[in-house]
């Protein structure tokens, strides 16, 4: 049991280190290439989550022999005599220290440090799961309390738009008085909620842009893909950079849908930006929910992204993604380099 827990803790340590390096690389690439498409940035941040999860479930990581072998061998050889001497003196020391009545009694084993660290990690994981379950129940409560949409024209417009995006069927449409911006709740049996108070103030073009944005989420299967970053956040809840990667993924996902709305559906960037400002900010959604900007900083970034008219060539985006897939996703471990085998001594000369 201790061996399994120790192995899990070792994987957590190496995965945390590799995730930190990968986050730094993705952050640097996104800063060095400001015209990188939002969809590509979304994929890069998703790969960070994939690496974090694979690092814990991959049984045989790729070993890189880069650590110096001489220092390790010298340390091991130096500690062997001390360990042998300690093992030789241990029984005598125990027998001398214990009374005769307790000399042969089995000693009570205290919890080892892997067990304590594993208990802390498991407690944090259970706490994260409890929070996610609570948030999911709140989102389902929104669906239950929402009223079905009775506007036949709106229902038909949603169905036509869903067919135009290649969806088999449109999501269920409901009206909620508890939200201020459209929300897509899923991932299974998705439900599209429209705000009851803001709906009368939205014109036909605004409503079309809002519906198109949510349908693009369904077309891209964002609610399903978003489960992996959420899983990485739960498993590495103690890692601030993993939470940063999950936030950047969510924001890049919204920016990618924004770009698709203004690029492929003939909508004006100014009008769409005005709609984003009108919808404002909303609390960060739970797992399986796509919603508006969670804060003003993210809203500002989405508005700035809309102003970018040029992007990098598709070959550059594909190349950057492929580089991170090949280099950063596979779990790695640094091991000691194998020292070269010394040459055999020359044979003694034959006696005449």
Protein backbone atom coordinates (compact mmCIF):
# COMPACT_ATOMS: atom_id res chain seq x y z
CA UNK A 1 0.00 0.00 0.00
CA UNK A 2 2.83 2.39 0.87
CA UNK A 3 4.46 1.58 -2.44
CA UNK A 4 1.33 2.55 -4.38
CA UNK A 5 0.93 5.80 -2.46
CA UNK A 6 4.61 6.62 -2.89
CA UNK A 7 4.34 6.04 -6.65
CA UNK A 8 1.27 8.28 -6.84
CA UNK A 9 3.06 11.04 -4.96
CA UNK A 10 6.06 10.71 -7.27
CA UNK A 11 3.74 11.06 -10.27
CA UNK A 12 2.11 14.11 -8.68
CA UNK A 13 5.52 15.69 -8.18
CA UNK A 14 6.82 15.06 -11.69
CA UNK A 15 3.48 16.02 -13.27
CA UNK A 16 3.38 19.27 -11.31
CA UNK A 17 6.87 20.15 -12.47
CA UNK A 18 6.16 19.33 -16.12
CA UNK A 19 2.85 21.23 -15.99
CA UNK A 20 4.61 24.33 -14.70
CA UNK A 21 7.13 24.18 -17.55
CA UNK A 22 4.40 23.58 -20.14
CA UNK A 23 2.27 26.46 -18.83
CA UNK A 24 5.28 28.77 -19.04
CA UNK A 25 5.94 27.71 -22.65
CA UNK A 26 2.31 28.14 -23.74
CA UNK A 27 2.14 31.52 -22.00
CA UNK A 28 5.32 32.64 -23.77
CA UNK A 29 4.08 31.48 -27.20
CA UNK A 30 0.75 33.29 -26.73
CA UNK A 31 2.63 36.48 -25.82
CA UNK A 32 5.21 36.19 -28.61
CA UNK A 33 2.52 35.48 -31.21
CA UNK A 34 -0.31 37.89 -30.34
CA UNK A 35 -2.06 37.15 -33.65
CA UNK A 36 -2.31 33.45 -32.84
CA UNK A 37 -5.97 32.49 -33.44
CA UNK A 38 -8.12 32.05 -30.35
CA UNK A 39 -8.99 28.51 -31.43
CA UNK A 40 -5.30 27.60 -31.46
CA UNK A 41 -4.73 29.16 -28.04
CA UNK A 42 -7.71 27.18 -26.80
CA UNK A 43 -6.11 23.94 -28.03
CA UNK A 44 -2.76 24.78 -26.45
CA UNK A 45 -4.28 25.38 -23.02
CA UNK A 46 -6.32 22.21 -23.39
CA UNK A 47 -3.10 20.29 -24.05
CA UNK A 48 -1.81 21.51 -20.67
CA UNK A 49 -4.77 19.80 -19.02
CA UNK A 50 -4.20 16.67 -21.09
CA UNK A 51 -0.57 16.51 -19.94
CA UNK A 52 -1.62 16.92 -16.31
CA UNK A 53 -4.09 14.03 -16.49
CA UNK A 54 -1.79 11.75 -18.50
CA UNK A 55 1.00 12.35 -16.03
CA UNK A 56 -1.06 10.68 -13.29
CA UNK A 57 -2.49 7.76 -15.27
CA UNK A 58 0.45 6.94 -17.57
CA UNK A 59 2.18 3.94 -16.01
CA UNK A 60 5.50 4.21 -17.88
CA UNK A 61 6.60 7.82 -18.52
CA UNK A 62 9.34 8.65 -20.96
CA UNK A 63 12.66 8.73 -19.11
CA UNK A 64 15.26 11.34 -20.04
CA UNK A 65 18.74 10.42 -18.88
CA UNK A 66 20.02 13.91 -18.17
CA UNK A 67 20.96 13.82 -14.48
CA UNK A 68 24.68 13.37 -13.70
CA UNK A 69 25.47 9.76 -12.95
CA UNK A 70 28.77 10.24 -11.12
CA UNK A 71 27.34 12.31 -8.30
CA UNK A 72 24.49 9.88 -7.72
CA UNK A 73 26.73 6.82 -7.75
CA UNK A 74 29.17 8.46 -5.34
CA UNK A 75 26.37 9.38 -2.95
CA UNK A 76 24.93 5.88 -3.05
CA UNK A 77 28.32 4.26 -2.45
CA UNK A 78 29.02 6.64 0.41
CA UNK A 79 25.75 5.85 2.13
CA UNK A 80 25.98 2.08 1.80
CA UNK A 81 28.51 1.57 4.64
CA UNK A 82 26.47 3.84 6.91
CA UNK A 83 23.28 1.95 6.11
CA UNK A 84 24.94 -1.42 6.72
CA UNK A 85 26.35 -0.22 10.04
CA UNK A 86 22.95 1.14 11.09
CA UNK A 87 21.24 -2.12 10.20
CA UNK A 88 23.83 -4.10 12.17
CA UNK A 89 23.45 -1.97 15.31
CA UNK A 90 19.66 -1.57 15.12
CA UNK A 91 18.65 -4.89 16.79
CA UNK A 92 21.13 -4.44 19.63
CA UNK A 93 20.01 -0.87 20.24
CA UNK A 94 16.35 -1.89 20.33
CA UNK A 95 16.97 -4.74 22.72
CA UNK A 96 19.01 -2.50 25.04
CA UNK A 97 16.48 0.33 25.06
CA UNK A 98 13.33 -1.73 25.63
CA UNK A 99 12.47 -3.46 28.89
CA UNK A 100 12.65 -7.27 28.86
CA UNK A 101 8.86 -7.55 28.96
CA UNK A 102 8.52 -5.48 25.76
CA UNK A 103 11.57 -6.68 23.91
CA UNK A 104 9.66 -9.18 21.80
CA UNK A 105 6.38 -7.22 21.54
CA UNK A 106 5.55 -5.89 18.06
CA UNK A 107 5.95 -2.12 17.86
CA UNK A 108 2.96 0.02 16.82
CA UNK A 109 3.62 1.43 13.38
CA UNK A 110 2.99 5.16 13.05
CA UNK A 111 1.56 6.57 9.79
CA UNK A 112 4.34 7.14 7.29
CA UNK A 113 4.80 10.43 5.46
CA UNK A 114 3.42 9.07 2.13
CA UNK A 115 0.22 8.13 3.94
CA UNK A 116 -0.11 11.58 5.46
CA UNK A 117 0.52 13.39 2.18
CA UNK A 118 -1.88 11.06 0.37
CA UNK A 119 -4.56 11.78 2.98
CA UNK A 120 -4.13 15.53 2.44
CA UNK A 121 -4.35 15.11 -1.34
CA UNK A 122 -7.43 12.88 -1.08
CA UNK A 123 -9.13 15.36 1.28
CA UNK A 124 -8.53 18.23 -1.13
CA UNK A 125 -9.80 16.16 -4.06
CA UNK A 126 -13.00 15.27 -2.18
CA UNK A 127 -13.52 18.92 -1.30
CA UNK A 128 -13.17 19.92 -4.95
CA UNK A 129 -15.61 17.19 -5.99
CA UNK A 130 -18.13 18.37 -3.39
CA UNK A 131 -17.92 21.95 -4.72
CA UNK A 132 -18.36 20.78 -8.31
CA UNK A 133 -21.36 18.63 -7.42
CA UNK A 134 -22.91 21.60 -5.62
CA UNK A 135 -22.33 23.89 -8.62
CA UNK A 136 -23.76 21.27 -10.98
CA UNK A 137 -26.88 20.93 -8.86
CA UNK A 138 -27.28 24.71 -8.94
CA UNK A 139 -27.10 24.72 -12.74
CA UNK A 140 -29.70 21.94 -12.97
CA UNK A 141 -31.89 23.93 -10.57
CA UNK A 142 -31.71 26.84 -13.03
CA UNK A 143 -33.00 24.53 -15.74
CA UNK A 144 -35.84 23.21 -13.59
CA UNK A 145 -36.95 26.70 -12.54
CA UNK A 146 -36.81 28.13 -16.07
CA UNK A 147 -39.97 28.43 -18.14
CA UNK A 148 -40.29 26.76 -21.56
CA UNK A 149 -40.08 29.15 -24.50
CA UNK A 150 -43.54 29.72 -26.01
CA UNK A 151 -42.35 31.83 -28.94
CA UNK A 152 -42.85 29.57 -31.98
CA UNK A 153 -40.91 31.92 -34.26
CA UNK A 154 -37.91 31.87 -31.93
CA UNK A 155 -38.04 28.09 -31.74
CA UNK A 156 -38.10 27.79 -35.52
CA UNK A 157 -35.24 30.27 -35.89
CA UNK A 158 -33.16 28.26 -33.42
CA UNK A 159 -33.88 25.02 -35.29
CA UNK A 160 -32.88 26.55 -38.64
CA UNK A 161 -29.68 27.95 -37.14
CA UNK A 162 -28.85 24.57 -35.59
CA UNK A 163 -29.28 22.83 -38.94
CA UNK A 164 -27.05 25.45 -40.56
CA UNK A 165 -24.32 24.55 -38.04
CA UNK A 166 -24.62 20.85 -38.78
CA UNK A 167 -26.37 19.94 -35.53
CA UNK A 168 -28.81 17.05 -35.56
CA UNK A 169 -31.26 18.90 -33.36
CA UNK A 170 -31.44 22.23 -31.59
CA UNK A 171 -30.96 22.42 -27.82
CA UNK A 172 -33.98 22.82 -25.62
CA UNK A 173 -34.82 26.51 -25.24
CA UNK A 174 -35.99 27.98 -21.92
CA UNK A 175 -36.42 31.43 -20.39
CA UNK A 176 -34.93 32.13 -16.98
CA UNK A 177 -35.40 35.12 -14.68
CA UNK A 178 -32.31 34.20 -12.64
CA UNK A 179 -29.66 34.95 -15.28
CA UNK A 180 -28.53 38.08 -17.13
CA UNK A 181 -26.87 36.51 -20.17
CA UNK A 182 -27.49 33.41 -22.31
CA UNK A 183 -26.19 30.17 -20.83
CA UNK A 184 -25.71 26.77 -22.43
CA UNK A 185 -25.98 24.00 -19.83
CA UNK A 186 -24.93 20.45 -20.61
CA UNK A 187 -23.04 18.54 -21.80
CA UNK A 188 -25.69 15.82 -22.10
CA UNK A 189 -29.19 16.97 -23.07
CA UNK A 190 -28.02 20.58 -23.54
CA UNK A 191 -30.41 23.36 -22.58
CA UNK A 192 -30.09 26.95 -23.80
CA UNK A 193 -31.27 29.51 -21.25
CA UNK A 194 -32.16 33.06 -22.30
CA UNK A 195 -32.46 35.91 -19.76
CA UNK A 196 -36.06 36.94 -19.22
CA UNK A 197 -35.30 40.59 -18.37
CA UNK A 198 -32.81 41.24 -21.18
CA UNK A 199 -34.70 39.33 -23.87
CA UNK A 200 -37.27 42.09 -24.67
CA UNK A 201 -34.44 44.62 -25.12
CA UNK A 202 -32.55 42.46 -27.61
CA UNK A 203 -33.20 43.15 -31.26
CA UNK A 204 -33.46 40.47 -33.92
CA UNK A 205 -29.80 40.85 -34.90
CA UNK A 206 -28.62 40.75 -31.27
CA UNK A 207 -30.65 37.65 -30.61
CA UNK A 208 -29.28 36.00 -33.73
CA UNK A 209 -25.70 36.72 -32.62
CA UNK A 210 -26.37 35.39 -29.12
CA UNK A 211 -27.95 32.18 -30.43
CA UNK A 212 -25.15 31.71 -32.96
CA UNK A 213 -22.52 32.00 -30.23
CA UNK A 214 -24.14 29.26 -28.16
CA UNK A 215 -24.69 27.01 -31.17
CA UNK A 216 -21.01 27.31 -32.06
CA UNK A 217 -20.24 25.99 -28.57
CA UNK A 218 -22.35 22.94 -29.42
CA UNK A 219 -20.81 22.59 -32.85
CA UNK A 220 -17.32 22.61 -31.34
CA UNK A 221 -18.41 20.25 -28.52
CA UNK A 222 -16.94 22.70 -26.03
CA UNK A 223 -18.96 21.40 -23.10
CA UNK A 224 -17.49 17.92 -23.56
CA UNK A 225 -13.94 19.10 -24.23
CA UNK A 226 -14.13 21.32 -21.15
CA UNK A 227 -14.47 18.32 -18.85
CA UNK A 228 -10.75 17.53 -19.18
CA UNK A 229 -9.47 20.90 -17.85
CA UNK A 230 -11.97 20.56 -15.01
CA UNK A 231 -10.59 17.09 -14.22
CA UNK A 232 -7.04 18.45 -14.22
CA UNK A 233 -8.10 21.19 -11.81
CA UNK A 234 -9.51 18.57 -9.46
CA UNK A 235 -6.53 16.23 -9.56
CA UNK A 236 -3.95 19.02 -9.20
CA UNK A 237 -6.04 21.36 -7.07
CA UNK A 238 -2.91 22.53 -5.24
CA UNK A 239 -1.21 23.72 -8.45
CA UNK A 240 -1.97 27.40 -9.18
CA UNK A 241 -0.65 27.19 -12.74
CA UNK A 242 -3.10 24.38 -13.58
CA UNK A 243 -5.95 26.66 -12.44
CA UNK A 244 -4.44 29.43 -14.57
CA UNK A 245 -4.38 27.11 -17.59
CA UNK A 246 -8.04 26.19 -17.04
CA UNK A 247 -9.04 29.87 -16.85
CA UNK A 248 -7.08 30.71 -19.98
CA UNK A 249 -8.71 27.78 -21.76
CA UNK A 250 -12.21 28.99 -20.85
CA UNK A 251 -11.44 32.53 -22.00
CA UNK A 252 -9.82 31.40 -25.25
CA UNK A 253 -12.84 29.18 -25.89
CA UNK A 254 -15.18 32.17 -25.63
CA UNK A 255 -12.88 34.26 -27.85
CA UNK A 256 -12.86 31.49 -30.45
CA UNK A 257 -16.67 31.48 -30.55
CA UNK A 258 -16.69 35.29 -30.77
CA UNK A 259 -14.35 35.18 -33.76
CA UNK A 260 -16.49 32.54 -35.45
CA UNK A 261 -19.63 34.65 -35.01
CA UNK A 262 -18.18 37.78 -36.62
CA UNK A 263 -16.21 35.88 -39.28
CA UNK A 264 -18.71 33.42 -40.67
CA UNK A 265 -22.11 34.96 -40.18
CA UNK A 266 -21.82 38.46 -41.57
CA UNK A 267 -22.18 40.28 -38.24
CA UNK A 268 -20.46 43.57 -37.56
CA UNK A 269 -17.66 43.54 -34.99
CA UNK A 270 -18.93 46.79 -33.50
CA UNK A 271 -22.45 45.42 -33.04
CA UNK A 272 -21.17 42.21 -31.51
CA UNK A 273 -18.89 44.11 -29.14
CA UNK A 274 -21.85 46.26 -28.10
CA UNK A 275 -23.81 43.08 -27.37
CA UNK A 276 -21.00 41.76 -25.16
CA UNK A 277 -21.00 45.01 -23.19
CA UNK A 278 -24.80 44.87 -22.92
CA UNK A 279 -24.72 41.34 -21.53
CA UNK A 280 -21.97 42.36 -19.08
CA UNK A 281 -20.31 39.88 -16.75
CA UNK A 282 -21.68 36.86 -14.94
CA UNK A 283 -20.30 34.56 -12.23
CA UNK A 284 -17.90 31.89 -13.47
CA UNK A 285 -20.04 28.97 -14.68
CA UNK A 286 -19.83 25.46 -13.34
CA UNK A 287 -18.55 22.41 -15.18
CA UNK A 288 -20.57 21.79 -18.32
CA UNK A 289 -21.79 25.39 -18.62
CA UNK A 290 -20.90 28.04 -21.21
CA UNK A 291 -21.76 31.57 -20.15
CA UNK A 292 -20.76 35.22 -20.40
CA UNK A 293 -17.51 36.78 -19.22
CA UNK A 294 -16.86 36.02 -15.52
CA UNK A 295 -15.23 39.43 -14.84
CA UNK A 296 -14.47 42.78 -16.47
CA UNK A 297 -10.89 41.77 -17.27
CA UNK A 298 -12.05 38.86 -19.40
CA UNK A 299 -14.69 41.06 -21.04
CA UNK A 300 -11.99 43.58 -21.95
CA UNK A 301 -9.84 40.82 -23.47
CA UNK A 302 -12.74 39.57 -25.56
CA UNK A 303 -13.37 43.09 -26.85
CA UNK A 304 -9.69 43.55 -27.70
CA UNK A 305 -9.63 40.21 -29.52
CA UNK A 306 -12.56 41.36 -31.68
CA UNK A 307 -10.44 44.28 -32.91
CA UNK A 308 -7.79 41.96 -34.37
CA UNK A 309 -8.46 41.66 -38.09
CA UNK A 310 -5.44 39.60 -39.15
CA UNK A 311 -4.29 36.20 -37.97
CA UNK A 312 -1.29 34.01 -38.56
CA UNK A 313 -1.32 31.51 -41.45
CA UNK A 314 -2.97 28.20 -40.71
CA UNK A 315 0.33 26.37 -41.23
CA UNK A 316 1.88 28.28 -38.31
CA UNK A 317 -1.02 27.41 -36.01
CA UNK A 318 -0.87 23.74 -36.98
CA UNK A 319 2.90 23.68 -36.52
CA UNK A 320 2.75 25.25 -33.06
CA UNK A 321 0.06 22.81 -31.96
CA UNK A 322 1.96 19.82 -33.33
CA UNK A 323 5.12 20.94 -31.54
CA UNK A 324 3.38 21.00 -28.17
CA UNK A 325 1.71 17.65 -28.85
CA UNK A 326 5.03 15.99 -29.62
CA UNK A 327 7.14 17.69 -26.97
CA UNK A 328 4.95 18.67 -24.04
CA UNK A 329 2.11 16.18 -23.65
CA UNK A 330 3.97 12.89 -23.08
CA UNK A 331 4.80 12.44 -19.35
CA UNK A 332 8.53 12.81 -18.72
CA UNK A 333 10.89 11.88 -15.92
CA UNK A 334 14.50 12.86 -15.45
CA UNK A 335 16.77 9.95 -14.55
CA UNK A 336 20.47 9.51 -14.07
CA UNK A 337 22.58 8.93 -17.13
CA UNK A 338 24.07 5.48 -17.42
CA UNK A 339 27.85 5.80 -17.01
CA UNK A 340 29.97 4.33 -19.79
CA UNK A 341 31.30 0.87 -19.18
CA UNK A 342 35.03 1.06 -18.39
CA UNK A 343 37.26 -0.82 -20.82
CA UNK A 344 38.42 -4.24 -19.75
CA UNK A 345 42.00 -4.41 -18.42
CA UNK A 346 44.52 -5.79 -20.89
CA UNK A 347 45.29 -9.47 -20.58
CA UNK A 348 48.62 -10.31 -18.93
CA UNK A 349 51.31 -11.41 -21.35
CA UNK A 350 51.69 -15.14 -21.73
CA UNK A 351 54.70 -16.70 -20.03
CA UNK A 352 57.18 -18.31 -22.35
